């Protein structure tokens, strides 16, 4: 384990494992296809996080509208969504049948 940490700090391999790891790192540095795949994967992860954040903001806005404690303008500011989107959510909630 100590050899691994020394490899991370100095980038010098001292045994077979760290030597293999160093070779993999060098291969990855020069492999444009792998880098492109990694960048694509990273973009997809960012998109998924952004999508999840948007869904959560909409869910919070719906809950705040149901509580009827804040104005749509205040809710838009609180969840960082456009006022038009908050008003649309409010219209959809009003169109839904009341829960029993």
PDB file of N, CA and C in Angstrom:
ATOM      1  N   UNK A   1       0.827  -1.186   0.000  1.00  0.00           N
ATOM      2  CA  UNK A   1       0.000   0.000   0.000  1.00  0.00           C
ATOM      3  C   UNK A   1       0.877   1.258   0.000  1.00  0.00           C
ATOM      4  N   UNK A   2       1.968   1.209   0.748  1.00  0.00           N
ATOM      5  CA  UNK A   2       2.860   2.363   0.814  1.00  0.00           C
ATOM      6  C   UNK A   2       3.459   2.664  -0.558  1.00  0.00           C
ATOM      7  N   UNK A   3       3.780   1.606  -1.325  1.00  0.00           N
ATOM      8  CA  UNK A   3       4.340   1.814  -2.660  1.00  0.00           C
ATOM      9  C   UNK A   3       3.345   2.549  -3.556  1.00  0.00           C
ATOM     10  N   UNK A   4       2.062   2.227  -3.387  1.00  0.00           N
ATOM     11  CA  UNK A   4       1.020   2.876  -4.184  1.00  0.00           C
ATOM     12  C   UNK A   4       0.977   4.377  -3.882  1.00  0.00           C
ATOM     13  N   UNK A   5       0.996   4.730  -2.606  1.00  0.00           N
ATOM     14  CA  UNK A   5       0.965   6.150  -2.237  1.00  0.00           C
ATOM     15  C   UNK A   5       2.227   6.873  -2.700  1.00  0.00           C
ATOM     16  N   UNK A   6       3.356   6.201  -2.617  1.00  0.00           N
ATOM     17  CA  UNK A   6       4.592   6.801  -3.123  1.00  0.00           C
ATOM     18  C   UNK A   6       4.506   7.023  -4.628  1.00  0.00           C
ATOM     19  N   UNK A   7       3.874   6.074  -5.329  1.00  0.00           N
ATOM     20  CA  UNK A   7       3.676   6.229  -6.772  1.00  0.00           C
ATOM     21  C   UNK A   7       2.794   7.441  -7.061  1.00  0.00           C
ATOM     22  N   UNK A   8       1.718   7.604  -6.282  1.00  0.00           N
ATOM     23  CA  UNK A   8       0.826   8.747  -6.480  1.00  0.00           C
ATOM     24  C   UNK A   8       1.549  10.071  -6.260  1.00  0.00           C
ATOM     25  N   UNK A   9       2.425  10.095  -5.277  1.00  0.00           N
ATOM     26  CA  UNK A   9       3.135  11.339  -4.966  1.00  0.00           C
ATOM     27  C   UNK A   9       4.270  11.635  -5.939  1.00  0.00           C
ATOM     28  N   UNK A  10       5.002  10.605  -6.334  1.00  0.00           N
ATOM     29  CA  UNK A  10       6.206  10.844  -7.135  1.00  0.00           C
ATOM     30  C   UNK A  10       6.089  10.419  -8.591  1.00  0.00           C
ATOM     31  N   UNK A  11       5.072   9.604  -8.901  1.00  0.00           N
ATOM     32  CA  UNK A  11       4.876   9.049 -10.244  1.00  0.00           C
ATOM     33  C   UNK A  11       6.034   8.128 -10.651  1.00  0.00           C
ATOM     34  N   UNK A  12       6.730   7.583  -9.657  1.00  0.00           N
ATOM     35  CA  UNK A  12       7.811   6.625  -9.910  1.00  0.00           C
ATOM     36  C   UNK A  12       7.373   5.268  -9.382  1.00  0.00           C
ATOM     37  N   UNK A  13       7.479   4.250 -10.225  1.00  0.00           N
ATOM     38  CA  UNK A  13       7.039   2.919  -9.814  1.00  0.00           C
ATOM     39  C   UNK A  13       8.156   2.189  -9.088  1.00  0.00           C
ATOM     40  N   UNK A  14       7.751   1.423  -8.052  1.00  0.00           N
ATOM     41  CA  UNK A  14       8.747   0.701  -7.264  1.00  0.00           C
ATOM     42  C   UNK A  14       8.483  -0.800  -7.225  1.00  0.00           C
ATOM     43  N   UNK A  15       7.357  -1.241  -7.788  1.00  0.00           N
ATOM     44  CA  UNK A  15       7.087  -2.678  -7.843  1.00  0.00           C
ATOM     45  C   UNK A  15       6.262  -2.985  -9.085  1.00  0.00           C
ATOM     46  N   UNK A  16       5.909  -4.239  -9.265  1.00  0.00           N
ATOM     47  CA  UNK A  16       5.171  -4.650 -10.458  1.00  0.00           C
ATOM     48  C   UNK A  16       3.825  -3.971 -10.595  1.00  0.00           C
ATOM     49  N   UNK A  17       3.116  -3.854  -9.470  1.00  0.00           N
ATOM     50  CA  UNK A  17       1.786  -3.239  -9.515  1.00  0.00           C
ATOM     51  C   UNK A  17       1.866  -1.780  -9.949  1.00  0.00           C
ATOM     52  N   UNK A  18       2.727  -1.014  -9.303  1.00  0.00           N
ATOM     53  CA  UNK A  18       2.814   0.408  -9.650  1.00  0.00           C
ATOM     54  C   UNK A  18       3.421   0.602 -11.031  1.00  0.00           C
ATOM     55  N   UNK A  19       4.269  -0.327 -11.445  1.00  0.00           N
ATOM     56  CA  UNK A  19       4.824  -0.258 -12.802  1.00  0.00           C
ATOM     57  C   UNK A  19       3.717  -0.469 -13.827  1.00  0.00           C
ATOM     58  N   UNK A  20       2.870  -1.482 -13.594  1.00  0.00           N
ATOM     59  CA  UNK A  20       1.726  -1.722 -14.482  1.00  0.00           C
ATOM     60  C   UNK A  20       0.790  -0.521 -14.480  1.00  0.00           C
ATOM     61  N   UNK A  21       0.541   0.011 -13.301  1.00  0.00           N
ATOM     62  CA  UNK A  21      -0.338   1.168 -13.183  1.00  0.00           C
ATOM     63  C   UNK A  21       0.224   2.356 -13.958  1.00  0.00           C
ATOM     64  N   UNK A  22       1.522   2.567 -13.850  1.00  0.00           N
ATOM     65  CA  UNK A  22       2.166   3.648 -14.597  1.00  0.00           C
ATOM     66  C   UNK A  22       2.023   3.461 -16.094  1.00  0.00           C
ATOM     67  N   UNK A  23       2.152   2.212 -16.549  1.00  0.00           N
ATOM     68  CA  UNK A  23       1.972   1.927 -17.979  1.00  0.00           C
ATOM     69  C   UNK A  23       0.543   2.215 -18.423  1.00  0.00           C
ATOM     70  N   UNK A  24      -0.437   1.840 -17.580  1.00  0.00           N
ATOM     71  CA  UNK A  24      -1.841   2.111 -17.917  1.00  0.00           C
ATOM     72  C   UNK A  24      -2.102   3.611 -18.007  1.00  0.00           C
ATOM     73  N   UNK A  25      -1.517   4.354 -17.087  1.00  0.00           N
ATOM     74  CA  UNK A  25      -1.690   5.810 -17.091  1.00  0.00           C
ATOM     75  C   UNK A  25      -1.098   6.408 -18.360  1.00  0.00           C
ATOM     76  N   UNK A  26       0.081   5.974 -18.731  1.00  0.00           N
ATOM     77  CA  UNK A  26       0.714   6.480 -19.956  1.00  0.00           C
ATOM     78  C   UNK A  26      -0.108   6.120 -21.188  1.00  0.00           C
ATOM     79  N   UNK A  27      -0.614   4.886 -21.232  1.00  0.00           N
ATOM     80  CA  UNK A  27      -1.464   4.478 -22.358  1.00  0.00           C
ATOM     81  C   UNK A  27      -2.711   5.352 -22.430  1.00  0.00           C
ATOM     82  N   UNK A  28      -3.323   5.604 -21.275  1.00  0.00           N
ATOM     83  CA  UNK A  28      -4.543   6.414 -21.245  1.00  0.00           C
ATOM     84  C   UNK A  28      -4.263   7.842 -21.699  1.00  0.00           C
ATOM     85  N   UNK A  29      -3.108   8.382 -21.341  1.00  0.00           N
ATOM     86  CA  UNK A  29      -2.762   9.750 -21.745  1.00  0.00           C
ATOM     87  C   UNK A  29      -2.697   9.886 -23.261  1.00  0.00           C
ATOM     88  N   UNK A  30      -2.255   8.829 -23.925  1.00  0.00           N
ATOM     89  CA  UNK A  30      -2.041   8.898 -25.370  1.00  0.00           C
ATOM     90  C   UNK A  30      -3.163   8.260 -26.183  1.00  0.00           C
ATOM     91  N   UNK A  31      -4.195   7.797 -25.521  1.00  0.00           N
ATOM     92  CA  UNK A  31      -5.293   7.127 -26.207  1.00  0.00           C
ATOM     93  C   UNK A  31      -6.429   8.134 -26.418  1.00  0.00           C
ATOM     94  N   UNK A  32      -6.490   8.709 -27.613  1.00  0.00           N
ATOM     95  CA  UNK A  32      -7.499   9.744 -27.874  1.00  0.00           C
ATOM     96  C   UNK A  32      -8.907   9.171 -27.864  1.00  0.00           C
ATOM     97  N   UNK A  33      -9.072   7.939 -28.293  1.00  0.00           N
ATOM     98  CA  UNK A  33     -10.411   7.325 -28.285  1.00  0.00           C
ATOM     99  C   UNK A  33     -10.913   7.191 -26.849  1.00  0.00           C
ATOM    100  N   UNK A  34     -10.051   6.725 -25.967  1.00  0.00           N
ATOM    101  CA  UNK A  34     -10.437   6.575 -24.570  1.00  0.00           C
ATOM    102  C   UNK A  34     -10.776   7.937 -23.965  1.00  0.00           C
ATOM    103  N   UNK A  35      -9.952   8.959 -24.262  1.00  0.00           N
ATOM    104  CA  UNK A  35     -10.223  10.295 -23.727  1.00  0.00           C
ATOM    105  C   UNK A  35     -11.560  10.812 -24.220  1.00  0.00           C
ATOM    106  N   UNK A  36     -11.866  10.559 -25.494  1.00  0.00           N
ATOM    107  CA  UNK A  36     -13.145  11.006 -26.041  1.00  0.00           C
ATOM    108  C   UNK A  36     -14.301  10.284 -25.351  1.00  0.00           C
ATOM    109  N   UNK A  37     -14.151   8.985 -25.125  1.00  0.00           N
ATOM    110  CA  UNK A  37     -15.194   8.231 -24.432  1.00  0.00           C
ATOM    111  C   UNK A  37     -15.373   8.748 -23.007  1.00  0.00           C
ATOM    112  N   UNK A  38     -14.256   9.032 -22.348  1.00  0.00           N
ATOM    113  CA  UNK A  38     -14.331   9.540 -20.976  1.00  0.00           C
ATOM    114  C   UNK A  38     -15.019  10.901 -20.939  1.00  0.00           C
ATOM    115  N   UNK A  39     -14.675  11.780 -21.867  1.00  0.00           N
ATOM    116  CA  UNK A  39     -15.297  13.102 -21.906  1.00  0.00           C
ATOM    117  C   UNK A  39     -16.794  12.995 -22.186  1.00  0.00           C
ATOM    118  N   UNK A  40     -17.179  12.067 -23.057  1.00  0.00           N
ATOM    119  CA  UNK A  40     -18.594  11.847 -23.336  1.00  0.00           C
ATOM    120  C   UNK A  40     -19.304  11.365 -22.082  1.00  0.00           C
ATOM    121  N   UNK A  41     -18.690  10.407 -21.387  1.00  0.00           N
ATOM    122  CA  UNK A  41     -19.266   9.893 -20.150  1.00  0.00           C
ATOM    123  C   UNK A  41     -19.406  11.012 -19.121  1.00  0.00           C
ATOM    124  N   UNK A  42     -18.380  11.844 -19.005  1.00  0.00           N
ATOM    125  CA  UNK A  42     -18.406  12.939 -18.042  1.00  0.00           C
ATOM    126  C   UNK A  42     -19.528  13.934 -18.367  1.00  0.00           C
ATOM    127  N   UNK A  43     -19.715  14.231 -19.660  1.00  0.00           N
ATOM    128  CA  UNK A  43     -20.813  15.124 -20.061  1.00  0.00           C
ATOM    129  C   UNK A  43     -22.163  14.520 -19.707  1.00  0.00           C
ATOM    130  N   UNK A  44     -22.301  13.216 -19.922  1.00  0.00           N
ATOM    131  CA  UNK A  44     -23.564  12.546 -19.598  1.00  0.00           C
ATOM    132  C   UNK A  44     -23.828  12.604 -18.094  1.00  0.00           C
ATOM    133  N   UNK A  45     -22.790  12.457 -17.283  1.00  0.00           N
ATOM    134  CA  UNK A  45     -22.947  12.540 -15.833  1.00  0.00           C
ATOM    135  C   UNK A  45     -23.379  13.947 -15.422  1.00  0.00           C
ATOM    136  N   UNK A  46     -22.784  14.948 -16.026  1.00  0.00           N
ATOM    137  CA  UNK A  46     -23.147  16.334 -15.728  1.00  0.00           C
ATOM    138  C   UNK A  46     -24.594  16.596 -16.119  1.00  0.00           C
ATOM    139  N   UNK A  47     -24.991  16.107 -17.293  1.00  0.00           N
ATOM    140  CA  UNK A  47     -26.368  16.277 -17.747  1.00  0.00           C
ATOM    141  C   UNK A  47     -27.333  15.603 -16.776  1.00  0.00           C
ATOM    142  N   UNK A  48     -26.991  14.389 -16.331  1.00  0.00           N
ATOM    143  CA  UNK A  48     -27.857  13.658 -15.401  1.00  0.00           C
ATOM    144  C   UNK A  48     -27.990  14.418 -14.079  1.00  0.00           C
ATOM    145  N   UNK A  49     -26.885  14.987 -13.589  1.00  0.00           N
ATOM    146  CA  UNK A  49     -26.942  15.775 -12.351  1.00  0.00           C
ATOM    147  C   UNK A  49     -27.822  17.006 -12.547  1.00  0.00           C
ATOM    148  N   UNK A  50     -27.637  17.697 -13.671  1.00  0.00           N
ATOM    149  CA  UNK A  50     -28.441  18.888 -13.943  1.00  0.00           C
ATOM    150  C   UNK A  50     -29.917  18.529 -14.043  1.00  0.00           C
ATOM    151  N   UNK A  51     -30.207  17.413 -14.707  1.00  0.00           N
ATOM    152  CA  UNK A  51     -31.593  16.961 -14.856  1.00  0.00           C
ATOM    153  C   UNK A  51     -32.194  16.643 -13.490  1.00  0.00           C
ATOM    154  N   UNK A  52     -31.418  15.995 -12.637  1.00  0.00           N
ATOM    155  CA  UNK A  52     -31.880  15.683 -11.284  1.00  0.00           C
ATOM    156  C   UNK A  52     -32.124  16.940 -10.468  1.00  0.00           C
ATOM    157  N   UNK A  53     -31.270  17.929 -10.622  1.00  0.00           N
ATOM    158  CA  UNK A  53     -31.441  19.199  -9.908  1.00  0.00           C
ATOM    159  C   UNK A  53     -32.709  19.906 -10.361  1.00  0.00           C
ATOM    160  N   UNK A  54     -32.975  19.870 -11.660  1.00  0.00           N
ATOM    161  CA  UNK A  54     -34.186  20.496 -12.192  1.00  0.00           C
ATOM    162  C   UNK A  54     -35.429  19.798 -11.659  1.00  0.00           C
ATOM    163  N   UNK A  55     -35.411  18.466 -11.666  1.00  0.00           N
ATOM    164  CA  UNK A  55     -36.561  17.712 -11.155  1.00  0.00           C
ATOM    165  C   UNK A  55     -36.804  18.029  -9.684  1.00  0.00           C
ATOM    166  N   UNK A  56     -35.732  18.139  -8.905  1.00  0.00           N
ATOM    167  CA  UNK A  56     -35.864  18.455  -7.479  1.00  0.00           C
ATOM    168  C   UNK A  56     -36.420  19.861  -7.297  1.00  0.00           C
ATOM    169  N   UNK A  57     -35.967  20.819  -8.087  1.00  0.00           N
ATOM    170  CA  UNK A  57     -36.468  22.193  -7.988  1.00  0.00           C
ATOM    171  C   UNK A  57     -37.958  22.243  -8.308  1.00  0.00           C
ATOM    172  N   UNK A  58     -38.380  21.489  -9.310  1.00  0.00           N
ATOM    173  CA  UNK A  58     -39.802  21.447  -9.669  1.00  0.00           C
ATOM    174  C   UNK A  58     -40.611  20.827  -8.539  1.00  0.00           C
ATOM    175  N   UNK A  59     -40.088  19.755  -7.952  1.00  0.00           N
ATOM    176  CA  UNK A  59     -40.780  19.093  -6.838  1.00  0.00           C
ATOM    177  C   UNK A  59     -40.936  20.047  -5.653  1.00  0.00           C
ATOM    178  N   UNK A  60     -39.884  20.782  -5.340  1.00  0.00           N
ATOM    179  CA  UNK A  60     -39.943  21.741  -4.232  1.00  0.00           C
ATOM    180  C   UNK A  60     -40.940  22.851  -4.553  1.00  0.00           C
ATOM    181  N   UNK A  61     -40.928  23.332  -5.788  1.00  0.00           N
ATOM    182  CA  UNK A  61     -41.873  24.381  -6.191  1.00  0.00           C
ATOM    183  C   UNK A  61     -43.309  23.894  -6.038  1.00  0.00           C
ATOM    184  N   UNK A  62     -43.575  22.659  -6.458  1.00  0.00           N
ATOM    185  CA  UNK A  62     -44.927  22.098  -6.305  1.00  0.00           C
ATOM    186  C   UNK A  62     -45.334  22.069  -4.838  1.00  0.00           C
ATOM    187  N   UNK A  63     -44.433  21.613  -3.983  1.00  0.00           N
ATOM    188  CA  UNK A  63     -44.745  21.545  -2.552  1.00  0.00           C
ATOM    189  C   UNK A  63     -44.995  22.929  -1.969  1.00  0.00           C
ATOM    190  N   UNK A  64     -44.188  23.905  -2.355  1.00  0.00           N
ATOM    191  CA  UNK A  64     -44.380  25.266  -1.856  1.00  0.00           C
ATOM    192  C   UNK A  64     -45.697  25.856  -2.352  1.00  0.00           C
ATOM    193  N   UNK A  65     -46.044  25.572  -3.589  1.00  0.00           N
ATOM    194  CA  UNK A  65     -47.326  26.062  -4.112  1.00  0.00           C
ATOM    195  C   UNK A  65     -48.496  25.427  -3.362  1.00  0.00           C
ATOM    196  N   UNK A  66     -48.389  24.150  -3.065  1.00  0.00           N
ATOM    197  CA  UNK A  66     -49.453  23.462  -2.321  1.00  0.00           C
ATOM    198  C   UNK A  66     -49.596  24.029  -0.913  1.00  0.00           C
ATOM    199  N   UNK A  67     -48.491  24.447  -0.309  1.00  0.00           N
ATOM    200  CA  UNK A  67     -48.533  25.021   1.036  1.00  0.00           C
ATOM    201  C   UNK A  67     -49.180  26.407   1.028  1.00  0.00           C
ATOM    202  N   UNK A  68     -49.127  27.087  -0.117  1.00  0.00           N
ATOM    203  CA  UNK A  68     -49.764  28.391  -0.300  1.00  0.00           C
ATOM    204  C   UNK A  68     -49.277  29.432   0.714  1.00  0.00           C
ATOM    205  N   UNK A  69     -47.981  29.405   0.999  1.00  0.00           N
ATOM    206  CA  UNK A  69     -47.416  30.364   1.948  1.00  0.00           C
ATOM    207  C   UNK A  69     -46.629  31.473   1.264  1.00  0.00           C
ATOM    208  N   UNK A  70     -46.157  31.210   0.054  1.00  0.00           N
ATOM    209  CA  UNK A  70     -45.327  32.168  -0.676  1.00  0.00           C
ATOM    210  C   UNK A  70     -45.988  32.532  -1.997  1.00  0.00           C
ATOM    211  N   UNK A  71     -45.597  33.666  -2.527  1.00  0.00           N
ATOM    212  CA  UNK A  71     -46.087  34.049  -3.850  1.00  0.00           C
ATOM    213  C   UNK A  71     -45.299  33.267  -4.906  1.00  0.00           C
ATOM    214  N   UNK A  72     -45.854  33.154  -6.107  1.00  0.00           N
ATOM    215  CA  UNK A  72     -45.097  32.500  -7.178  1.00  0.00           C
ATOM    216  C   UNK A  72     -43.738  33.165  -7.422  1.00  0.00           C
ATOM    217  N   UNK A  73     -43.672  34.485  -7.281  1.00  0.00           N
ATOM    218  CA  UNK A  73     -42.413  35.196  -7.467  1.00  0.00           C
ATOM    219  C   UNK A  73     -41.378  34.764  -6.429  1.00  0.00           C
ATOM    220  N   UNK A  74     -41.818  34.631  -5.182  1.00  0.00           N
ATOM    221  CA  UNK A  74     -40.914  34.198  -4.116  1.00  0.00           C
ATOM    222  C   UNK A  74     -40.447  32.760  -4.343  1.00  0.00           C
ATOM    223  N   UNK A  75     -41.359  31.917  -4.794  1.00  0.00           N
ATOM    224  CA  UNK A  75     -41.006  30.517  -5.062  1.00  0.00           C
ATOM    225  C   UNK A  75     -40.004  30.444  -6.209  1.00  0.00           C
ATOM    226  N   UNK A  76     -40.239  31.226  -7.262  1.00  0.00           N
ATOM    227  CA  UNK A  76     -39.312  31.240  -8.399  1.00  0.00           C
ATOM    228  C   UNK A  76     -37.911  31.630  -7.938  1.00  0.00           C
ATOM    229  N   UNK A  77     -37.840  32.617  -7.071  1.00  0.00           N
ATOM    230  CA  UNK A  77     -36.542  33.053  -6.562  1.00  0.00           C
ATOM    231  C   UNK A  77     -35.928  31.977  -5.663  1.00  0.00           C
ATOM    232  N   UNK A  78     -36.740  31.321  -4.848  1.00  0.00           N
ATOM    233  CA  UNK A  78     -36.228  30.327  -3.900  1.00  0.00           C
ATOM    234  C   UNK A  78     -35.660  29.096  -4.599  1.00  0.00           C
ATOM    235  N   UNK A  79     -36.316  28.652  -5.668  1.00  0.00           N
ATOM    236  CA  UNK A  79     -35.877  27.415  -6.338  1.00  0.00           C
ATOM    237  C   UNK A  79     -35.096  27.692  -7.614  1.00  0.00           C
ATOM    238  N   UNK A  80     -34.913  28.977  -7.929  1.00  0.00           N
ATOM    239  CA  UNK A  80     -34.126  29.380  -9.102  1.00  0.00           C
ATOM    240  C   UNK A  80     -34.710  28.842 -10.414  1.00  0.00           C
ATOM    241  N   UNK A  81     -36.024  28.996 -10.554  1.00  0.00           N
ATOM    242  CA  UNK A  81     -36.714  28.647 -11.800  1.00  0.00           C
ATOM    243  C   UNK A  81     -37.395  29.905 -12.331  1.00  0.00           C
ATOM    244  N   UNK A  82     -37.631  29.968 -13.639  1.00  0.00           N
ATOM    245  CA  UNK A  82     -38.326  31.135 -14.196  1.00  0.00           C
ATOM    246  C   UNK A  82     -39.753  31.241 -13.645  1.00  0.00           C
ATOM    247  N   UNK A  83     -40.207  32.456 -13.455  1.00  0.00           N
ATOM    248  CA  UNK A  83     -41.562  32.690 -12.952  1.00  0.00           C
ATOM    249  C   UNK A  83     -42.597  32.017 -13.845  1.00  0.00           C
ATOM    250  N   UNK A  84     -42.372  32.057 -15.158  1.00  0.00           N
ATOM    251  CA  UNK A  84     -43.319  31.434 -16.090  1.00  0.00           C
ATOM    252  C   UNK A  84     -43.475  29.938 -15.800  1.00  0.00           C
ATOM    253  N   UNK A  85     -42.384  29.296 -15.438  1.00  0.00           N
ATOM    254  CA  UNK A  85     -42.446  27.862 -15.140  1.00  0.00           C
ATOM    255  C   UNK A  85     -43.219  27.625 -13.838  1.00  0.00           C
ATOM    256  N   UNK A  86     -43.030  28.476 -12.859  1.00  0.00           N
ATOM    257  CA  UNK A  86     -43.762  28.355 -11.593  1.00  0.00           C
ATOM    258  C   UNK A  86     -45.252  28.547 -11.843  1.00  0.00           C
ATOM    259  N   UNK A  87     -45.596  29.537 -12.664  1.00  0.00           N
ATOM    260  CA  UNK A  87     -47.011  29.773 -12.974  1.00  0.00           C
ATOM    261  C   UNK A  87     -47.611  28.594 -13.730  1.00  0.00           C
ATOM    262  N   UNK A  88     -46.839  27.981 -14.595  1.00  0.00           N
ATOM    263  CA  UNK A  88     -47.300  26.798 -15.320  1.00  0.00           C
ATOM    264  C   UNK A  88     -47.532  25.630 -14.360  1.00  0.00           C
ATOM    265  N   UNK A  89     -46.618  25.451 -13.429  1.00  0.00           N
ATOM    266  CA  UNK A  89     -46.781  24.389 -12.424  1.00  0.00           C
ATOM    267  C   UNK A  89     -48.040  24.652 -11.602  1.00  0.00           C
ATOM    268  N   UNK A  90     -48.252  25.919 -11.247  1.00  0.00           N
ATOM    269  CA  UNK A  90     -49.433  26.286 -10.460  1.00  0.00           C
ATOM    270  C   UNK A  90     -50.717  25.978 -11.230  1.00  0.00           C
ATOM    271  N   UNK A  91     -50.734  26.301 -12.516  1.00  0.00           N
ATOM    272  CA  UNK A  91     -51.911  25.995 -13.339  1.00  0.00           C
ATOM    273  C   UNK A  91     -52.167  24.496 -13.386  1.00  0.00           C
ATOM    274  N   UNK A  92     -51.109  23.716 -13.536  1.00  0.00           N
ATOM    275  CA  UNK A  92     -51.260  22.261 -13.575  1.00  0.00           C
ATOM    276  C   UNK A  92     -51.794  21.721 -12.256  1.00  0.00           C
ATOM    277  N   UNK A  93     -51.330  22.297 -11.151  1.00  0.00           N
ATOM    278  CA  UNK A  93     -51.820  21.854  -9.844  1.00  0.00           C
ATOM    279  C   UNK A  93     -53.295  22.196  -9.670  1.00  0.00           C
ATOM    280  N   UNK A  94     -53.695  23.369 -10.146  1.00  0.00           N
ATOM    281  CA  UNK A  94     -55.097  23.770 -10.038  1.00  0.00           C
ATOM    282  C   UNK A  94     -55.996  22.902 -10.915  1.00  0.00           C
ATOM    283  N   UNK A  95     -55.451  22.405 -12.011  1.00  0.00           N
ATOM    284  CA  UNK A  95     -56.229  21.565 -12.923  1.00  0.00           C
ATOM    285  C   UNK A  95     -56.380  20.138 -12.406  1.00  0.00           C
ATOM    286  N   UNK A  96     -55.501  19.730 -11.481  1.00  0.00           N
ATOM    287  CA  UNK A  96     -55.586  18.374 -10.925  1.00  0.00           C
ATOM    288  C   UNK A  96     -56.770  18.287  -9.975  1.00  0.00           C
ATOM    289  N   UNK A  97     -57.411  17.114  -9.930  1.00  0.00           N
ATOM    290  CA  UNK A  97     -58.483  16.941  -8.946  1.00  0.00           C
ATOM    291  C   UNK A  97     -57.897  16.969  -7.530  1.00  0.00           C
ATOM    292  N   UNK A  98     -58.661  17.497  -6.600  1.00  0.00           N
ATOM    293  CA  UNK A  98     -58.189  17.601  -5.220  1.00  0.00           C
ATOM    294  C   UNK A  98     -57.983  16.216  -4.623  1.00  0.00           C
ATOM    295  N   UNK A  99     -56.927  16.095  -3.796  1.00  0.00           N
ATOM    296  CA  UNK A  99     -56.657  14.815  -3.136  1.00  0.00           C
ATOM    297  C   UNK A  99     -57.666  14.599  -2.023  1.00  0.00           C
ATOM    298  N   UNK A 100     -57.993  13.335  -1.801  1.00  0.00           N
ATOM    299  CA  UNK A 100     -58.980  13.020  -0.757  1.00  0.00           C
ATOM    300  C   UNK A 100     -58.320  12.790   0.562  1.00  0.00           C
TER     301      UNK A 100
END
